[in-house]
All heavy atoms as atom14 arrays in JSON, in Angstrom:
{
  "sequence": "EKVSKSGDNTYIRVMEGVKITGCNEIPGDVI",
  "atom14_mask": [
    [1, 1, 1, 1, 1, 1, 1, 1, 1, 0, 0, 0, 0, 0],
    [1, 1, 1, 1, 1, 1, 1, 1, 1, 0, 0, 0, 0, 0],
    [1, 1, 1, 1, 1, 1, 1, 0, 0, 0, 0, 0, 0, 0],
    [1, 1, 1, 1, 1, 1, 0, 0, 0, 0, 0, 0, 0, 0],
    [1, 1, 1, 1, 1, 1, 1, 1, 1, 0, 0, 0, 0, 0],
    [1, 1, 1, 1, 1, 1, 0, 0, 0, 0, 0, 0, 0, 0],
    [1, 1, 1, 1, 0, 0, 0, 0, 0, 0, 0, 0, 0, 0],
    [1, 1, 1, 1, 1, 1, 1, 1, 0, 0, 0, 0, 0, 0],
    [1, 1, 1, 1, 1, 1, 1, 1, 0, 0, 0, 0, 0, 0],
    [1, 1, 1, 1, 1, 1, 1, 0, 0, 0, 0, 0, 0, 0],
    [1, 1, 1, 1, 1, 1, 1, 1, 1, 1, 1, 1, 0, 0],
    [1, 1, 1, 1, 1, 1, 1, 1, 0, 0, 0, 0, 0, 0],
    [1, 1, 1, 1, 1, 1, 1, 1, 1, 1, 1, 0, 0, 0],
    [1, 1, 1, 1, 1, 1, 1, 0, 0, 0, 0, 0, 0, 0],
    [1, 1, 1, 1, 1, 1, 1, 1, 0, 0, 0, 0, 0, 0],
    [1, 1, 1, 1, 1, 1, 1, 1, 1, 0, 0, 0, 0, 0],
    [1, 1, 1, 1, 0, 0, 0, 0, 0, 0, 0, 0, 0, 0],
    [1, 1, 1, 1, 1, 1, 1, 0, 0, 0, 0, 0, 0, 0],
    [1, 1, 1, 1, 1, 1, 1, 1, 1, 0, 0, 0, 0, 0],
    [1, 1, 1, 1, 1, 1, 1, 1, 0, 0, 0, 0, 0, 0],
    [1, 1, 1, 1, 1, 1, 1, 0, 0, 0, 0, 0, 0, 0],
    [1, 1, 1, 1, 0, 0, 0, 0, 0, 0, 0, 0, 0, 0],
    [1, 1, 1, 1, 1, 1, 0, 0, 0, 0, 0, 0, 0, 0],
    [1, 1, 1, 1, 1, 1, 1, 1, 0, 0, 0, 0, 0, 0],
    [1, 1, 1, 1, 1, 1, 1, 1, 1, 0, 0, 0, 0, 0],
    [1, 1, 1, 1, 1, 1, 1, 1, 0, 0, 0, 0, 0, 0],
    [1, 1, 1, 1, 1, 1, 1, 0, 0, 0, 0, 0, 0, 0],
    [1, 1, 1, 1, 0, 0, 0, 0, 0, 0, 0, 0, 0, 0],
    [1, 1, 1, 1, 1, 1, 1, 1, 0, 0, 0, 0, 0, 0],
    [1, 1, 1, 1, 1, 1, 1, 0, 0, 0, 0, 0, 0, 0],
    [1, 1, 1, 1, 1, 1, 1, 1, 0, 0, 0, 0, 0, 0]
  ],
  "atom14_positions": [
    [[-56.78, 122.48, 65.97], [-57.7, 121.35, 66.0], [-57.11, 120.21, 66.82], [-55.91, 119.95, 66.78], [-58.01, 120.87, 64.58], [-58.88, 121.85, 63.8], [-59.25, 121.34, 62.42], [-58.37, 120.74, 61.74], [-60.4, 121.54, 62.02], [0.0, 0.0, 0.0], [0.0, 0.0, 0.0], [0.0, 0.0, 0.0], [0.0, 0.0, 0.0], [0.0, 0.0, 0.0]],
    [[-57.98, 119.52, 67.56], [-57.56, 118.38, 68.37], [-57.51, 117.15, 67.48], [-58.52, 116.75, 66.9], [-58.53, 118.17, 69.52], [-58.1, 117.09, 70.5], [-59.08, 117.01, 71.67], [-58.66, 115.93, 72.66], [-59.61, 115.84, 73.8], [0.0, 0.0, 0.0], [0.0, 0.0, 0.0], [0.0, 0.0, 0.0], [0.0, 0.0, 0.0], [0.0, 0.0, 0.0]],
    [[-56.32, 116.55, 67.37], [-56.08, 115.46, 66.42], [-55.65, 114.2, 67.15], [-54.9, 114.25, 68.13], [-55.0, 115.88, 65.4], [-54.59, 114.7, 64.53], [-55.51, 117.03, 64.54], [0.0, 0.0, 0.0], [0.0, 0.0, 0.0], [0.0, 0.0, 0.0], [0.0, 0.0, 0.0], [0.0, 0.0, 0.0], [0.0, 0.0, 0.0], [0.0, 0.0, 0.0]],
    [[-56.13, 113.05, 66.67], [-55.63, 111.76, 67.16], [-55.22, 110.92, 65.96], [-55.84, 111.0, 64.9], [-56.69, 111.04, 68.0], [-57.82, 110.73, 67.21], [0.0, 0.0, 0.0], [0.0, 0.0, 0.0], [0.0, 0.0, 0.0], [0.0, 0.0, 0.0], [0.0, 0.0, 0.0], [0.0, 0.0, 0.0], [0.0, 0.0, 0.0], [0.0, 0.0, 0.0]],
    [[-54.16, 110.15, 66.14], [-53.62, 109.33, 65.06], [-53.86, 107.85, 65.34], [-53.78, 107.39, 66.48], [-52.11, 109.56, 64.93], [-51.71, 110.98, 64.5], [-51.78, 111.13, 63.0], [-51.16, 112.44, 62.53], [-51.16, 112.57, 61.06], [0.0, 0.0, 0.0], [0.0, 0.0, 0.0], [0.0, 0.0, 0.0], [0.0, 0.0, 0.0], [0.0, 0.0, 0.0]],
    [[-54.17, 107.12, 64.27], [-54.29, 105.67, 64.35], [-53.78, 105.11, 63.02], [-54.48, 105.15, 62.01], [-55.74, 105.26, 64.59], [-55.86, 103.84, 64.63], [0.0, 0.0, 0.0], [0.0, 0.0, 0.0], [0.0, 0.0, 0.0], [0.0, 0.0, 0.0], [0.0, 0.0, 0.0], [0.0, 0.0, 0.0], [0.0, 0.0, 0.0], [0.0, 0.0, 0.0]],
    [[-52.56, 104.61, 63.04], [-51.94, 104.17, 61.79], [-51.74, 105.37, 60.87], [-51.2, 106.4, 61.27], [0.0, 0.0, 0.0], [0.0, 0.0, 0.0], [0.0, 0.0, 0.0], [0.0, 0.0, 0.0], [0.0, 0.0, 0.0], [0.0, 0.0, 0.0], [0.0, 0.0, 0.0], [0.0, 0.0, 0.0], [0.0, 0.0, 0.0], [0.0, 0.0, 0.0]],
    [[-52.23, 105.26, 59.65], [-52.14, 106.37, 58.69], [-53.3, 107.35, 58.81], [-53.3, 108.4, 58.16], [-52.1, 105.81, 57.26], [-50.84, 104.99, 56.98], [-49.81, 105.29, 57.61], [-50.91, 104.06, 56.16], [0.0, 0.0, 0.0], [0.0, 0.0, 0.0], [0.0, 0.0, 0.0], [0.0, 0.0, 0.0], [0.0, 0.0, 0.0], [0.0, 0.0, 0.0]],
    [[-54.28, 107.03, 59.62], [-55.48, 107.87, 59.73], [-55.26, 109.03, 60.7], [-54.66, 108.84, 61.78], [-56.67, 107.05, 60.18], [-57.03, 105.95, 59.2], [-56.35, 104.91, 59.17], [-58.07, 106.14, 58.42], [0.0, 0.0, 0.0], [0.0, 0.0, 0.0], [0.0, 0.0, 0.0], [0.0, 0.0, 0.0], [0.0, 0.0, 0.0], [0.0, 0.0, 0.0]],
    [[-55.79, 110.17, 60.33], [-55.77, 111.36, 61.19], [-57.2, 111.76, 61.49], [-57.93, 112.23, 60.6], [-55.04, 112.54, 60.5], [-53.7, 112.15, 60.19], [-55.0, 113.76, 61.41], [0.0, 0.0, 0.0], [0.0, 0.0, 0.0], [0.0, 0.0, 0.0], [0.0, 0.0, 0.0], [0.0, 0.0, 0.0], [0.0, 0.0, 0.0], [0.0, 0.0, 0.0]],
    [[-57.62, 111.58, 62.73], [-58.99, 111.9, 63.14], [-59.0, 113.26, 63.83], [-58.24, 113.49, 64.77], [-59.54, 110.82, 64.07], [-59.58, 109.45, 63.44], [-58.62, 108.48, 63.76], [-60.55, 109.13, 62.5], [-58.64, 107.23, 63.17], [-60.59, 107.88, 61.9], [-59.63, 106.93, 62.24], [-59.65, 105.69, 61.64], [0.0, 0.0, 0.0], [0.0, 0.0, 0.0]],
    [[-59.86, 114.13, 63.35], [-59.94, 115.49, 63.87], [-61.22, 115.61, 64.7], [-62.32, 115.37, 64.2], [-59.96, 116.52, 62.73], [-58.71, 116.33, 61.85], [-60.03, 117.94, 63.27], [-58.77, 117.07, 60.52], [0.0, 0.0, 0.0], [0.0, 0.0, 0.0], [0.0, 0.0, 0.0], [0.0, 0.0, 0.0], [0.0, 0.0, 0.0], [0.0, 0.0, 0.0]],
    [[-61.07, 115.97, 65.95], [-62.21, 116.07, 66.87], [-62.95, 117.38, 66.64], [-62.35, 118.42, 66.49], [-61.69, 115.99, 68.32], [-62.76, 116.08, 69.4], [-63.59, 114.84, 69.43], [-64.41, 114.77, 70.64], [-65.54, 115.44, 70.83], [-66.01, 116.23, 69.9], [-66.21, 115.3, 71.95], [0.0, 0.0, 0.0], [0.0, 0.0, 0.0], [0.0, 0.0, 0.0]],
    [[-64.3, 117.29, 66.56], [-65.06, 118.54, 66.52], [-64.92, 119.23, 67.87], [-64.45, 118.65, 68.84], [-66.56, 118.29, 66.21], [-66.74, 117.77, 64.81], [-67.2, 117.39, 67.24], [0.0, 0.0, 0.0], [0.0, 0.0, 0.0], [0.0, 0.0, 0.0], [0.0, 0.0, 0.0], [0.0, 0.0, 0.0], [0.0, 0.0, 0.0], [0.0, 0.0, 0.0]],
    [[-65.28, 120.47, 67.92], [-65.09, 121.28, 69.13], [-65.57, 120.55, 70.38], [-66.62, 119.89, 70.37], [-65.81, 122.61, 68.97], [-65.64, 123.54, 70.17], [-66.08, 125.25, 69.8], [-64.67, 125.77, 68.82], [0.0, 0.0, 0.0], [0.0, 0.0, 0.0], [0.0, 0.0, 0.0], [0.0, 0.0, 0.0], [0.0, 0.0, 0.0], [0.0, 0.0, 0.0]],
    [[-64.79, 120.67, 71.45], [-65.09, 119.98, 72.71], [-66.51, 120.29, 73.18], [-66.96, 121.43, 73.2], [-64.1, 120.43, 73.79], [-64.09, 119.56, 75.03], [-63.52, 118.17, 74.76], [-62.64, 118.04, 73.9], [-63.98, 117.23, 75.44], [0.0, 0.0, 0.0], [0.0, 0.0, 0.0], [0.0, 0.0, 0.0], [0.0, 0.0, 0.0], [0.0, 0.0, 0.0]],
    [[-67.23, 119.23, 73.55], [-68.59, 119.39, 74.05], [-69.66, 119.35, 72.98], [-70.85, 119.45, 73.29], [0.0, 0.0, 0.0], [0.0, 0.0, 0.0], [0.0, 0.0, 0.0], [0.0, 0.0, 0.0], [0.0, 0.0, 0.0], [0.0, 0.0, 0.0], [0.0, 0.0, 0.0], [0.0, 0.0, 0.0], [0.0, 0.0, 0.0], [0.0, 0.0, 0.0]],
    [[-69.26, 119.21, 71.71], [-70.21, 119.17, 70.6], [-70.3, 117.74, 70.06], [-69.28, 117.07, 69.9], [-69.79, 120.15, 69.47], [-70.76, 120.04, 68.29], [-69.75, 121.57, 70.0], [0.0, 0.0, 0.0], [0.0, 0.0, 0.0], [0.0, 0.0, 0.0], [0.0, 0.0, 0.0], [0.0, 0.0, 0.0], [0.0, 0.0, 0.0], [0.0, 0.0, 0.0]],
    [[-71.51, 117.3, 69.76], [-71.74, 115.96, 69.22], [-72.21, 116.03, 67.77], [-72.99, 116.91, 67.42], [-72.78, 115.21, 70.05], [-72.39, 114.98, 71.5], [-73.52, 114.27, 72.24], [-73.16, 114.04, 73.7], [-74.27, 113.36, 74.44], [0.0, 0.0, 0.0], [0.0, 0.0, 0.0], [0.0, 0.0, 0.0], [0.0, 0.0, 0.0], [0.0, 0.0, 0.0]],
    [[-71.71, 115.1, 66.95], [-72.27, 114.91, 65.61], [-73.38, 113.89, 65.77], [-73.14, 112.73, 66.09], [-71.2, 114.4, 64.63], [-70.04, 115.39, 64.53], [-71.81, 114.17, 63.25], [-68.87, 114.9, 63.69], [0.0, 0.0, 0.0], [0.0, 0.0, 0.0], [0.0, 0.0, 0.0], [0.0, 0.0, 0.0], [0.0, 0.0, 0.0], [0.0, 0.0, 0.0]],
    [[-74.62, 114.34, 65.56], [-75.76, 113.47, 65.89], [-76.27, 112.66, 64.71], [-77.1, 111.75, 64.9], [-76.92, 114.31, 66.46], [-77.25, 115.36, 65.52], [-76.51, 114.95, 67.78], [0.0, 0.0, 0.0], [0.0, 0.0, 0.0], [0.0, 0.0, 0.0], [0.0, 0.0, 0.0], [0.0, 0.0, 0.0], [0.0, 0.0, 0.0], [0.0, 0.0, 0.0]],
    [[-75.82, 112.96, 63.49], [-76.24, 112.16, 62.34], [-76.46, 113.0, 61.1], [-76.03, 114.16, 61.02], [0.0, 0.0, 0.0], [0.0, 0.0, 0.0], [0.0, 0.0, 0.0], [0.0, 0.0, 0.0], [0.0, 0.0, 0.0], [0.0, 0.0, 0.0], [0.0, 0.0, 0.0], [0.0, 0.0, 0.0], [0.0, 0.0, 0.0], [0.0, 0.0, 0.0]],
    [[-77.14, 112.39, 60.14], [-77.38, 113.03, 58.84], [-78.84, 112.79, 58.44], [-79.35, 111.68, 58.61], [-76.43, 112.45, 57.8], [-76.7, 113.04, 56.12], [0.0, 0.0, 0.0], [0.0, 0.0, 0.0], [0.0, 0.0, 0.0], [0.0, 0.0, 0.0], [0.0, 0.0, 0.0], [0.0, 0.0, 0.0], [0.0, 0.0, 0.0], [0.0, 0.0, 0.0]],
    [[-79.5, 113.81, 57.95], [-80.91, 113.67, 57.54], [-81.09, 112.67, 56.4], [-82.07, 111.94, 56.34], [-81.48, 115.02, 57.11], [-81.57, 116.01, 58.25], [-81.4, 115.64, 59.42], [-81.84, 117.27, 57.94], [0.0, 0.0, 0.0], [0.0, 0.0, 0.0], [0.0, 0.0, 0.0], [0.0, 0.0, 0.0], [0.0, 0.0, 0.0], [0.0, 0.0, 0.0]],
    [[-80.12, 112.66, 55.48], [-80.26, 111.88, 54.25], [-79.61, 110.5, 54.3], [-79.95, 109.63, 53.51], [-79.66, 112.66, 53.07], [-80.27, 114.03, 52.81], [-79.7, 115.11, 53.72], [-78.69, 114.84, 54.42], [-80.25, 116.23, 53.73], [0.0, 0.0, 0.0], [0.0, 0.0, 0.0], [0.0, 0.0, 0.0], [0.0, 0.0, 0.0], [0.0, 0.0, 0.0]],
    [[-78.66, 110.33, 55.22], [-77.86, 109.09, 55.23], [-77.95, 108.45, 56.62], [-77.55, 109.07, 57.61], [-76.39, 109.37, 54.87], [-76.31, 110.02, 53.49], [-75.55, 108.11, 54.94], [-74.94, 110.59, 53.16], [0.0, 0.0, 0.0], [0.0, 0.0, 0.0], [0.0, 0.0, 0.0], [0.0, 0.0, 0.0], [0.0, 0.0, 0.0], [0.0, 0.0, 0.0]],
    [[-78.44, 107.22, 56.72], [-78.5, 106.55, 58.02], [-77.12, 106.02, 58.44], [-76.2, 105.92, 57.62], [-79.48, 105.4, 57.78], [-79.3, 105.07, 56.32], [-79.02, 106.39, 55.64], [0.0, 0.0, 0.0], [0.0, 0.0, 0.0], [0.0, 0.0, 0.0], [0.0, 0.0, 0.0], [0.0, 0.0, 0.0], [0.0, 0.0, 0.0], [0.0, 0.0, 0.0]],
    [[-77.0, 105.67, 59.7], [-75.77, 105.06, 60.17], [-74.86, 106.04, 60.89], [-75.14, 107.24, 60.98], [0.0, 0.0, 0.0], [0.0, 0.0, 0.0], [0.0, 0.0, 0.0], [0.0, 0.0, 0.0], [0.0, 0.0, 0.0], [0.0, 0.0, 0.0], [0.0, 0.0, 0.0], [0.0, 0.0, 0.0], [0.0, 0.0, 0.0], [0.0, 0.0, 0.0]],
    [[-73.75, 105.53, 61.39], [-72.83, 106.34, 62.2], [-71.61, 106.84, 61.41], [-70.69, 107.41, 61.99], [-72.37, 105.56, 63.43], [-71.65, 104.26, 63.09], [-71.48, 103.97, 61.89], [-71.27, 103.53, 64.02], [0.0, 0.0, 0.0], [0.0, 0.0, 0.0], [0.0, 0.0, 0.0], [0.0, 0.0, 0.0], [0.0, 0.0, 0.0], [0.0, 0.0, 0.0]],
    [[-71.59, 106.6, 60.09], [-70.51, 107.09, 59.23], [-71.14, 107.82, 58.04], [-72.01, 107.28, 57.35], [-69.61, 105.95, 58.72], [-68.53, 106.49, 57.78], [-68.97, 105.2, 59.89], [0.0, 0.0, 0.0], [0.0, 0.0, 0.0], [0.0, 0.0, 0.0], [0.0, 0.0, 0.0], [0.0, 0.0, 0.0], [0.0, 0.0, 0.0], [0.0, 0.0, 0.0]],
    [[-70.71, 109.06, 57.83], [-71.23, 109.88, 56.74], [-70.06, 110.28, 55.85], [-69.13, 110.96, 56.3], [-71.93, 111.15, 57.28], [-72.98, 110.77, 58.33], [-72.53, 111.97, 56.15], [-73.28, 111.87, 59.32], [0.0, 0.0, 0.0], [0.0, 0.0, 0.0], [0.0, 0.0, 0.0], [0.0, 0.0, 0.0], [0.0, 0.0, 0.0], [0.0, 0.0, 0.0]]
  ]
}
């Protein structure tokens, strides 16, 4: 998995070229 670090946070990138477009039940850019 492609990982980036920021402080104590570890962010894992979804597969290259794929976008997370949202959630049916929850609005906003954080789910």
